[in-house]
PDB file of N, CA and C in Angstrom:
ATOM      1  N   MET A   1      95.136 114.784  86.456  1.00  0.00           N
ATOM      2  CA  MET A   1      95.229 115.063  88.094  1.00  0.00           C
ATOM      3  C   MET A   1      96.316 114.600  88.418  1.00  0.00           C
ATOM      4  N   LYS A   2      97.433 115.072  88.787  1.00  0.00           N
ATOM      5  CA  LYS A   2      98.308 114.354  89.586  1.00  0.00           C
ATOM      6  C   LYS A   2      98.168 113.534  91.029  1.00  0.00           C
ATOM      7  N   ARG A   3      98.333 112.082  90.723  1.00  0.00           N
ATOM      8  CA  ARG A   3      98.235 111.447  92.243  1.00  0.00           C
ATOM      9  C   ARG A   3      99.004 112.146  93.265  1.00  0.00           C
ATOM     10  N   PRO A   4      97.914 112.419  94.083  1.00  0.00           N
ATOM     11  CA  PRO A   4      98.423 113.030  95.357  1.00  0.00           C
ATOM     12  C   PRO A   4      98.725 111.804  96.357  1.00  0.00           C
ATOM     13  N   PRO A   5      98.990 112.116  97.500  1.00  0.00           N
ATOM     14  CA  PRO A   5      99.780 110.590  98.742  1.00  0.00           C
ATOM     15  C   PRO A   5      98.292 110.460  99.386  1.00  0.00           C
ATOM     16  N   CYS A   6      98.254 108.940  99.486  1.00  0.00           N
ATOM     17  CA  CYS A   6      97.263 108.445 100.140  1.00  0.00           C
ATOM     18  C   CYS A   6      97.156 108.712 101.250  1.00  0.00           C
ATOM     19  N   ALA A   7      96.018 109.249 101.733  1.00  0.00           N
ATOM     20  CA  ALA A   7      95.393 109.497 103.368  1.00  0.00           C
ATOM     21  C   ALA A   7      95.624 108.294 104.089  1.00  0.00           C
ATOM     22  N   GLY A   8      95.679 107.071 103.377  1.00  0.00           N
ATOM     23  CA  GLY A   8      95.366 105.810 104.214  1.00  0.00           C
ATOM     24  C   GLY A   8      96.615 105.817 105.094  1.00  0.00           C
ATOM     25  N   LEU A   9      97.816 105.607 104.229  1.00  0.00           N
ATOM     26  CA  LEU A   9      99.172 105.763 104.976  1.00  0.00           C
ATOM     27  C   LEU A   9      99.189 106.643 106.233  1.00  0.00           C
ATOM     28  N   TRP A  10      98.506 107.743 106.289  1.00  0.00           N
ATOM     29  CA  TRP A  10      98.575 108.538 107.574  1.00  0.00           C
ATOM     30  C   TRP A  10      97.360 108.352 108.692  1.00  0.00           C
ATOM     31  N   ARG A  11      96.082 108.247 108.148  1.00  0.00           N
ATOM     32  CA  ARG A  11      95.172 107.898 108.939  1.00  0.00           C
ATOM     33  C   ARG A  11      94.175 106.615 109.154  1.00  0.00           C
ATOM     34  N   THR A  12      94.697 105.634 108.658  1.00  0.00           N
ATOM     35  CA  THR A  12      93.778 104.657 108.986  1.00  0.00           C
ATOM     36  C   THR A  12      94.630 103.087 108.713  1.00  0.00           C
ATOM     37  N   PRO A  13      95.275 102.973 109.922  1.00  0.00           N
ATOM     38  CA  PRO A  13      96.166 101.806 110.218  1.00  0.00           C
ATOM     39  C   PRO A  13      94.876 100.660 110.205  1.00  0.00           C
ATOM     40  N   MET A  14      95.248  99.233 109.629  1.00  0.00           N
ATOM     41  CA  MET A  14      93.826  98.470 109.643  1.00  0.00           C
ATOM     42  C   MET A  14      94.712  97.683 110.624  1.00  0.00           C
ATOM     43  N   VAL A  15      94.060  96.759 111.583  1.00  0.00           N
ATOM     44  CA  VAL A  15      94.500  95.681 112.235  1.00  0.00           C
ATOM     45  C   VAL A  15      93.293  94.435 111.782  1.00  0.00           C
ATOM     46  N   HIS A  16      93.974  93.609 111.497  1.00  0.00           N
ATOM     47  CA  HIS A  16      93.551  92.216 110.861  1.00  0.00           C
ATOM     48  C   HIS A  16      93.167  91.430 112.317  1.00  0.00           C
ATOM     49  N   VAL A  17      92.512  90.274 112.129  1.00  0.00           N
ATOM     50  CA  VAL A  17      91.798  89.595 113.537  1.00  0.00           C
ATOM     51  C   VAL A  17      93.213  88.986 114.206  1.00  0.00           C
ATOM     52  N   ASP A  18      94.104  88.355 113.592  1.00  0.00           N
ATOM     53  CA  ASP A  18      95.601  87.751 113.547  1.00  0.00           C
ATOM     54  C   ASP A  18      96.308  89.135 114.441  1.00  0.00           C
ATOM     55  N   GLY A  19      96.016  90.027 114.163  1.00  0.00           N
ATOM     56  CA  GLY A  19      97.061  91.488 114.688  1.00  0.00           C
ATOM     57  C   GLY A  19      98.000  91.664 113.702  1.00  0.00           C
ATOM     58  N   THR A  20      97.677  91.520 112.459  1.00  0.00           N
ATOM     59  CA  THR A  20      98.713  92.002 111.396  1.00  0.00           C
ATOM     60  C   THR A  20      98.198  93.351 110.982  1.00  0.00           C
ATOM     61  N   VAL A  21      99.364  94.253 111.303  1.00  0.00           N
ATOM     62  CA  VAL A  21      98.860  95.375 111.221  1.00  0.00           C
ATOM     63  C   VAL A  21      99.409  96.062 109.577  1.00  0.00           C
ATOM     64  N   THR A  22      98.404  96.357 108.438  1.00  0.00           N
ATOM     65  CA  THR A  22      98.691  96.920 107.280  1.00  0.00           C
ATOM     66  C   THR A  22      98.190  98.515 107.061  1.00  0.00           C
ATOM     67  N   THR A  23      98.190  98.945 106.166  1.00  0.00           N
ATOM     68  CA  THR A  23      98.217 100.213 105.651  1.00  0.00           C
ATOM     69  C   THR A  23      96.788 100.685 105.248  1.00  0.00           C
ATOM     70  N   CYS A  24      95.971  99.742 105.177  1.00  0.00           N
ATOM     71  CA  CYS A  24      94.737  99.590 104.041  1.00  0.00           C
ATOM     72  C   CYS A  24      93.780  98.939 104.330  1.00  0.00           C
ATOM     73  N   CYS A  25      92.382  99.282 103.998  1.00  0.00           N
ATOM     74  CA  CYS A  25      91.512  98.316 104.015  1.00  0.00           C
ATOM     75  C   CYS A  25      91.442  97.359 102.977  1.00  0.00           C
ATOM     76  N   LEU A  26      92.132  98.054 101.670  1.00  0.00           N
ATOM     77  CA  LEU A  26      91.842  97.511 100.611  1.00  0.00           C
ATOM     78  C   LEU A  26      93.029  96.453 100.286  1.00  0.00           C
ATOM     79  N   ASP A  27      93.899  96.129 101.215  1.00  0.00           N
ATOM     80  CA  ASP A  27      95.541  95.563 101.381  1.00  0.00           C
ATOM     81  C   ASP A  27      94.816  93.879 101.814  1.00  0.00           C
ATOM     82  N   GLU A  28      94.321  93.336 100.971  1.00  0.00           N
ATOM     83  CA  GLU A  28      93.095  91.818 101.387  1.00  0.00           C
ATOM     84  C   GLU A  28      94.487  90.845 101.587  1.00  0.00           C
ATOM     85  N   HIS A  29      95.447  91.271 100.707  1.00  0.00           N
ATOM     86  CA  HIS A  29      96.508  90.234 100.841  1.00  0.00           C
ATOM     87  C   HIS A  29      97.863  90.499 101.938  1.00  0.00           C
ATOM     88  N   LEU A  30      97.197  91.004 102.512  1.00  0.00           N
ATOM     89  CA  LEU A  30      98.484  91.910 103.460  1.00  0.00           C
ATOM     90  C   LEU A  30      99.823  92.394 103.052  1.00  0.00           C
ATOM     91  N   GLU A  31      99.831  92.607 101.817  1.00  0.00           N
ATOM     92  CA  GLU A  31     101.453  93.187 101.154  1.00  0.00           C
ATOM     93  C   GLU A  31     101.928  94.413 101.689  1.00  0.00           C
ATOM     94  N   ASN A  32     101.212  95.367 102.708  1.00  0.00           N
ATOM     95  CA  ASN A  32     101.759  96.179 102.917  1.00  0.00           C
ATOM     96  C   ASN A  32     101.788  95.877 104.314  1.00  0.00           C
ATOM     97  N   ARG A  33     102.104  94.922 104.691  1.00  0.00           N
ATOM     98  CA  ARG A  33     102.397  94.348 106.052  1.00  0.00           C
ATOM     99  C   ARG A  33     103.161  94.857 107.039  1.00  0.00           C
ATOM    100  N   LEU A  34     103.071  95.925 108.233  1.00  0.00           N
ATOM    101  CA  LEU A  34     103.957  96.404 108.919  1.00  0.00           C
ATOM    102  C   LEU A  34     104.502  95.585 110.476  1.00  0.00           C
ATOM    103  N   GLY A  35     103.653  94.487 110.526  1.00  0.00           N
ATOM    104  CA  GLY A  35     103.960  93.890 111.418  1.00  0.00           C
ATOM    105  C   GLY A  35     102.882  93.683 112.383  1.00  0.00           C
ATOM    106  N   ASN A  36     102.985  92.993 113.557  1.00  0.00           N
ATOM    107  CA  ASN A  36     101.781  92.407 114.135  1.00  0.00           C
ATOM    108  C   ASN A  36     101.780  92.945 115.583  1.00  0.00           C
ATOM    109  N   VAL A  37     100.697  93.629 116.159  1.00  0.00           N
ATOM    110  CA  VAL A  37     100.149  93.865 117.528  1.00  0.00           C
ATOM    111  C   VAL A  37     100.857  92.914 118.819  1.00  0.00           C
ATOM    112  N   ARG A  38     100.303  91.634 118.388  1.00  0.00           N
ATOM    113  CA  ARG A  38     100.889  90.949 119.204  1.00  0.00           C
ATOM    114  C   ARG A  38     102.580  90.830 119.761  1.00  0.00           C
ATOM    115  N   GLU A  39     103.610  91.347 118.688  1.00  0.00           N
ATOM    116  CA  GLU A  39     104.715  91.558 118.630  1.00  0.00           C
ATOM    117  C   GLU A  39     105.279  92.809 119.322  1.00  0.00           C
ATOM    118  N   GLN A  40     104.075  93.991 118.469  1.00  0.00           N
ATOM    119  CA  GLN A  40     104.822  95.376 118.722  1.00  0.00           C
ATOM    120  C   GLN A  40     103.747  96.595 118.725  1.00  0.00           C
ATOM    121  N   PRO A  41     103.644  97.155 119.846  1.00  0.00           N
ATOM    122  CA  PRO A  41     102.471  98.257 119.627  1.00  0.00           C
ATOM    123  C   PRO A  41     102.212  98.725 118.545  1.00  0.00           C
ATOM    124  N   LEU A  42     101.065  98.930 118.525  1.00  0.00           N
ATOM    125  CA  LEU A  42     100.371  99.799 117.164  1.00  0.00           C
ATOM    126  C   LEU A  42     101.053 100.979 116.898  1.00  0.00           C
ATOM    127  N   MET A  43     101.484 101.960 118.031  1.00  0.00           N
ATOM    128  CA  MET A  43     102.281 102.873 117.807  1.00  0.00           C
ATOM    129  C   MET A  43     103.658 102.921 117.278  1.00  0.00           C
ATOM    130  N   ALA A  44     104.348 101.642 117.381  1.00  0.00           N
ATOM    131  CA  ALA A  44     105.793 101.428 117.210  1.00  0.00           C
ATOM    132  C   ALA A  44     105.579 101.148 115.540  1.00  0.00           C
ATOM    133  N   LEU A  45     105.019 100.623 114.955  1.00  0.00           N
ATOM    134  CA  LEU A  45     104.297 100.134 113.758  1.00  0.00           C
ATOM    135  C   LEU A  45     103.789 101.109 112.940  1.00  0.00           C
ATOM    136  N   TRP A  46     103.127 102.194 113.247  1.00  0.00           N
ATOM    137  CA  TRP A  46     102.713 103.317 112.600  1.00  0.00           C
ATOM    138  C   TRP A  46     103.451 104.380 112.705  1.00  0.00           C
ATOM    139  N   HIS A  47     104.507 104.141 113.385  1.00  0.00           N
ATOM    140  CA  HIS A  47     105.352 105.406 113.259  1.00  0.00           C
ATOM    141  C   HIS A  47     106.938 104.586 113.290  1.00  0.00           C
ATOM    142  N   GLY A  48     106.965 103.322 112.488  1.00  0.00           N
ATOM    143  CA  GLY A  48     108.088 103.130 112.456  1.00  0.00           C
ATOM    144  C   GLY A  48     108.728 102.923 111.072  1.00  0.00           C
ATOM    145  N   GLU A  49     110.094 102.959 110.828  1.00  0.00           N
ATOM    146  CA  GLU A  49     111.002 103.171 109.486  1.00  0.00           C
ATOM    147  C   GLU A  49     110.180 102.722 108.271  1.00  0.00           C
ATOM    148  N   ARG A  50     109.616 101.586 107.796  1.00  0.00           N
ATOM    149  CA  ARG A  50     109.120 100.831 106.849  1.00  0.00           C
ATOM    150  C   ARG A  50     107.991 102.199 106.465  1.00  0.00           C
ATOM    151  N   ILE A  51     107.399 102.381 107.292  1.00  0.00           N
ATOM    152  CA  ILE A  51     105.725 103.111 106.679  1.00  0.00           C
ATOM    153  C   ILE A  51     106.273 104.721 106.737  1.00  0.00           C
ATOM    154  N   GLU A  52     107.463 104.946 107.233  1.00  0.00           N
ATOM    155  CA  GLU A  52     107.668 106.364 106.985  1.00  0.00           C
ATOM    156  C   GLU A  52     108.583 106.453 105.782  1.00  0.00           C
ATOM    157  N   ALA A  53     109.415 105.379 105.615  1.00  0.00           N
ATOM    158  CA  ALA A  53     110.014 105.585 103.830  1.00  0.00           C
ATOM    159  C   ALA A  53     108.949 105.614 102.806  1.00  0.00           C
ATOM    160  N   TRP A  54     107.553 104.618 103.393  1.00  0.00           N
ATOM    161  CA  TRP A  54     106.645 104.631 102.189  1.00  0.00           C
ATOM    162  C   TRP A  54     106.270 106.166 102.268  1.00  0.00           C
ATOM    163  N   ARG A  55     105.584 106.420 103.311  1.00  0.00           N
ATOM    164  CA  ARG A  55     104.847 107.900 103.320  1.00  0.00           C
ATOM    165  C   ARG A  55     105.966 109.001 102.667  1.00  0.00           C
ATOM    166  N   LEU A  56     107.257 108.942 102.619  1.00  0.00           N
ATOM    167  CA  LEU A  56     108.122 109.709 102.021  1.00  0.00           C
ATOM    168  C   LEU A  56     108.092 109.347 100.354  1.00  0.00           C
ATOM    169  N   ALA A  57     108.006 108.087 100.002  1.00  0.00           N
ATOM    170  CA  ALA A  57     107.660 107.531  98.963  1.00  0.00           C
ATOM    171  C   ALA A  57     106.422 108.655  98.003  1.00  0.00           C
ATOM    172  N   GLN A  58     105.481 108.198  98.588  1.00  0.00           N
ATOM    173  CA  GLN A  58     104.220 108.679  98.436  1.00  0.00           C
ATOM    174  C   GLN A  58     104.256 110.420  98.428  1.00  0.00           C
ATOM    175  N   VAL A  59     104.816 111.063  99.119  1.00  0.00           N
ATOM    176  CA  VAL A  59     104.658 112.657  99.175  1.00  0.00           C
ATOM    177  C   VAL A  59     105.571 112.829  97.749  1.00  0.00           C
ATOM    178  N   GLU A  60     107.009 112.323  97.697  1.00  0.00           N
ATOM    179  CA  GLU A  60     107.504 112.517  96.480  1.00  0.00           C
ATOM    180  C   GLU A  60     106.860 111.763  94.895  1.00  0.00           C
ATOM    181  N   GLY A  61     105.930 111.164  94.900  1.00  0.00           N
ATOM    182  CA  GLY A  61     105.572 110.710  94.099  1.00  0.00           C
ATOM    183  C   GLY A  61     105.815 109.640  93.403  1.00  0.00           C
ATOM    184  N   ARG A  62     106.708 108.716  94.491  1.00  0.00           N
ATOM    185  CA  ARG A  62     107.359 107.501  94.111  1.00  0.00           C
ATOM    186  C   ARG A  62     106.687 106.357  94.149  1.00  0.00           C
ATOM    187  N   PHE A  63     105.346 106.181  93.461  1.00  0.00           N
ATOM    188  CA  PHE A  63     104.299 105.284  94.410  1.00  0.00           C
ATOM    189  C   PHE A  63     104.757 103.810  94.365  1.00  0.00           C
ATOM    190  N   GLU A  64     105.607 103.440  92.988  1.00  0.00           N
ATOM    191  CA  GLU A  64     105.924 102.235  93.187  1.00  0.00           C
ATOM    192  C   GLU A  64     106.804 101.836  94.703  1.00  0.00           C
ATOM    193  N   ASP A  65     107.181 102.653  95.400  1.00  0.00           N
ATOM    194  CA  ASP A  65     108.488 102.119  96.591  1.00  0.00           C
ATOM    195  C   ASP A  65     107.554 102.829  97.469  1.00  0.00           C
ATOM    196  N   SER A  66     106.352 102.768  97.443  1.00  0.00           N
ATOM    197  CA  SER A  66     105.456 103.057  98.809  1.00  0.00           C
ATOM    198  C   SER A  66     104.621 101.813  99.098  1.00  0.00           C
ATOM    199  N   GLY A  67     105.209 101.048  98.990  1.00  0.00           N
ATOM    200  CA  GLY A  67     104.196  99.767  99.850  1.00  0.00           C
ATOM    201  C   GLY A  67     103.895  99.040  98.243  1.00  0.00           C
ATOM    202  N   PRO A  68     104.159  97.916  98.375  1.00  0.00           N
ATOM    203  CA  PRO A  68     103.606  96.375  97.418  1.00  0.00           C
ATOM    204  C   PRO A  68     102.139  97.029  96.705  1.00  0.00           C
ATOM    205  N   ALA A  69     101.336  97.120  97.822  1.00  0.00           N
ATOM    206  CA  ALA A  69      99.760  97.271  97.778  1.00  0.00           C
ATOM    207  C   ALA A  69      99.584  98.788  96.555  1.00  0.00           C
ATOM    208  N   CYS A  70     100.158  99.646  96.784  1.00  0.00           N
ATOM    209  CA  CYS A  70     100.141 100.680  96.289  1.00  0.00           C
ATOM    210  C   CYS A  70     100.415 101.469  95.187  1.00  0.00           C
ATOM    211  N   THR A  71     100.805 100.525  94.070  1.00  0.00           N
ATOM    212  CA  THR A  71     101.422 100.539  92.749  1.00  0.00           C
ATOM    213  C   THR A  71     100.102 100.139  92.250  1.00  0.00           C
ATOM    214  N   ARG A  72      99.111  99.176  92.774  1.00  0.00           N
ATOM    215  CA  ARG A  72      97.485  98.816  91.755  1.00  0.00           C
ATOM    216  C   ARG A  72      96.491  99.760  92.521  1.00  0.00           C
ATOM    217  N   CYS A  73      96.432 100.456  93.610  1.00  0.00           N
ATOM    218  CA  CYS A  73      95.544 101.165  94.318  1.00  0.00           C
ATOM    219  C   CYS A  73      95.002 101.999  93.395  1.00  0.00           C
ATOM    220  N   ASN A  74      93.156 102.184  93.330  1.00  0.00           N
ATOM    221  CA  ASN A  74      92.595 103.434  93.125  1.00  0.00           C
ATOM    222  C   ASN A  74      92.841 104.235  94.470  1.00  0.00           C
ATOM    223  N   TRP A  75      93.942 105.087  94.665  1.00  0.00           N
ATOM    224  CA  TRP A  75      93.962 106.207  95.897  1.00  0.00           C
ATOM    225  C   TRP A  75      92.580 106.443  96.306  1.00  0.00           C
ATOM    226  N   ARG A  76      91.736 107.073  95.328  1.00  0.00           N
ATOM    227  CA  ARG A  76      90.534 107.814  95.825  1.00  0.00           C
ATOM    228  C   ARG A  76      89.876 106.868  96.796  1.00  0.00           C
ATOM    229  N   SER A  77      89.943 105.503  97.089  1.00  0.00           N
ATOM    230  CA  SER A  77      88.980 104.910  98.059  1.00  0.00           C
ATOM    231  C   SER A  77      89.279 105.357  99.763  1.00  0.00           C
ATOM    232  N   ALA A  78      90.927 105.945  99.587  1.00  0.00           N
ATOM    233  CA  ALA A  78      91.563 105.868 101.078  1.00  0.00           C
ATOM    234  C   ALA A  78      91.267 107.636 100.930  1.00  0.00           C
ATOM    235  N   GLY A  79      91.062 108.375 100.345  1.00  0.00           N
ATOM    236  CA  GLY A  79      91.247 109.811 100.269  1.00  0.00           C
ATOM    237  C   GLY A  79      92.552 110.346  99.792  1.00  0.00           C
ATOM    238  N   ALA A  80      92.992 111.300  99.659  1.00  0.00           N
ATOM    239  CA  ALA A  80      93.927 112.151  99.412  1.00  0.00           C
ATOM    240  C   ALA A  80      94.646 112.916 100.355  1.00  0.00           C
ATOM    241  N   LEU A  81      95.777 113.276 100.722  1.00  0.00           N
ATOM    242  CA  LEU A  81      96.028 113.782 101.500  1.00  0.00           C
ATOM    243  C   LEU A  81      96.368 115.414 101.027  1.00  0.00           C
ATOM    244  N   THR A  82      95.971 116.310 102.082  1.00  0.00           N
ATOM    245  CA  THR A  82      95.849 117.359 101.397  1.00  0.00           C
ATOM    246  C   THR A  82      97.301 118.014 101.207  1.00  0.00           C
ATOM    247  N   GLU A  83      97.304 119.045 100.703  1.00  0.00           N
ATOM    248  CA  GLU A  83      98.926 119.698 100.487  1.00  0.00           C
ATOM    249  C   GLU A  83      99.422 120.261 102.037  1.00  0.00           C
ATOM    250  N   ALA A  84      98.232 120.891 102.802  1.00  0.00           N
ATOM    251  CA  ALA A  84      98.629 121.372 104.054  1.00  0.00           C
ATOM    252  C   ALA A  84      98.718 120.154 104.799  1.00  0.00           C
ATOM    253  N   GLU A  85      98.399 119.079 104.734  1.00  0.00           N
ATOM    254  CA  GLU A  85      98.783 117.763 105.469  1.00  0.00           C
ATOM    255  C   GLU A  85     100.158 117.482 105.468  1.00  0.00           C
ATOM    256  N   VAL A  86     100.542 117.660 104.130  1.00  0.00           N
ATOM    257  CA  VAL A  86     101.655 117.042 103.660  1.00  0.00           C
ATOM    258  C   VAL A  86     102.994 117.857 103.695  1.00  0.00           C
ATOM    259  N   ALA A  87     102.736 119.284 104.089  1.00  0.00           N
ATOM    260  CA  ALA A  87     103.536 120.316 104.421  1.00  0.00           C
ATOM    261  C   ALA A  87     103.613 119.957 106.300  1.00  0.00           C
ATOM    262  N   ALA A  88     102.561 120.036 106.680  1.00  0.00           N
ATOM    263  CA  ALA A  88     103.214 119.694 107.986  1.00  0.00           C
ATOM    264  C   ALA A  88     103.211 118.546 108.352  1.00  0.00           C
ATOM    265  N   TRP A  89     102.931 117.401 108.113  1.00  0.00           N
ATOM    266  CA  TRP A  89     104.527 115.825 108.137  1.00  0.00           C
ATOM    267  C   TRP A  89     105.600 116.182 108.069  1.00  0.00           C
ATOM    268  N   LEU A  90     105.706 116.756 106.822  1.00  0.00           N
ATOM    269  CA  LEU A  90     107.247 117.342 106.618  1.00  0.00           C
ATOM    270  C   LEU A  90     107.964 118.455 107.318  1.00  0.00           C
ATOM    271  N   ARG A  91     107.250 119.255 107.991  1.00  0.00           N
ATOM    272  CA  ARG A  91     107.825 119.916 109.101  1.00  0.00           C
ATOM    273  C   ARG A  91     108.250 118.983 110.565  1.00  0.00           C
ATOM    274  N   ARG A  92     107.076 118.407 110.687  1.00  0.00           N
ATOM    275  CA  ARG A  92     107.333 117.758 112.201  1.00  0.00           C
ATOM    276  C   ARG A  92     108.886 116.485 111.849  1.00  0.00           C
ATOM    277  N   ARG A  93     109.022 115.918 110.541  1.00  0.00           N
ATOM    278  CA  ARG A  93     109.538 115.119 110.108  1.00  0.00           C
ATOM    279  C   ARG A  93     111.123 115.723 110.319  1.00  0.00           C
ATOM    280  N   ALA A  94     110.929 116.640 109.574  1.00  0.00           N
ATOM    281  CA  ALA A  94     112.324 117.562 109.767  1.00  0.00           C
ATOM    282  C   ALA A  94     112.897 118.057 111.289  1.00  0.00           C
ATOM    283  N   ALA A  95     111.351 118.423 111.965  1.00  0.00           N
ATOM    284  CA  ALA A  95     111.819 118.764 113.333  1.00  0.00           C
ATOM    285  C   ALA A  95     112.394 117.665 114.588  1.00  0.00           C
ATOM    286  N   SER A  96     111.840 116.381 113.945  1.00  0.00           N
ATOM    287  CA  SER A  96     112.357 115.347 114.425  1.00  0.00           C
ATOM    288  C   SER A  96     113.855 114.948 114.370  1.00  0.00           C
ATOM    289  N   GLY A  97     114.345 115.235 113.269  1.00  0.00           N
ATOM    290  CA  GLY A  97     115.771 114.944 113.403  1.00  0.00           C
ATOM    291  C   GLY A  97     116.304 113.717 112.870  1.00  0.00           C
ATOM    292  N   ASN A  98     114.978 112.678 113.013  1.00  0.00           N
ATOM    293  CA  ASN A  98     115.554 111.440 112.599  1.00  0.00           C
ATOM    294  C   ASN A  98     114.890 110.907 111.532  1.00  0.00           C
ATOM    295  N   GLY A  99     113.767 111.725 110.897  1.00  0.00           N
ATOM    296  CA  GLY A  99     113.272 111.565 109.446  1.00  0.00           C
ATOM    297  C   GLY A  99     111.858 110.733 109.515  1.00  0.00           C
ATOM    298  N   ALA A 100     111.331 110.373 111.021  1.00  0.00           N
ATOM    299  CA  ALA A 100     110.098 110.184 112.010  1.00  0.00           C
ATOM    300  C   ALA A 100     109.394 111.486 111.823  1.00  0.00           C
ATOM    301  N   GLY A 101     108.130 110.952 111.396  1.00  0.00           N
ATOM    302  CA  GLY A 101     107.280 111.915 111.350  1.00  0.00           C
ATOM    303  C   GLY A 101     105.984 111.613 112.182  1.00  0.00           C
TER     304      GLY A 101
END
């Protein structure tokens, strides 16, 4: 089975007690750190350049480029993004003109 994009990068931002935001509840070492909500709004972090690049890498099957913790992950724990969700994200990304989805 081909590995699909992990839904965690779209659905489940994790905010740790110190305010650090990461992409996954399994990222206990905060390897996929996006920033801190004490310094930037969650929406800015969750739709920023870093995670958008990681999302695109997931969609393209380049999991080694999709966040340090993603290369070792069992994506099944967070679930898969459906093909329809991928298509919708790609349409929004293209419509935005700047690559943000």
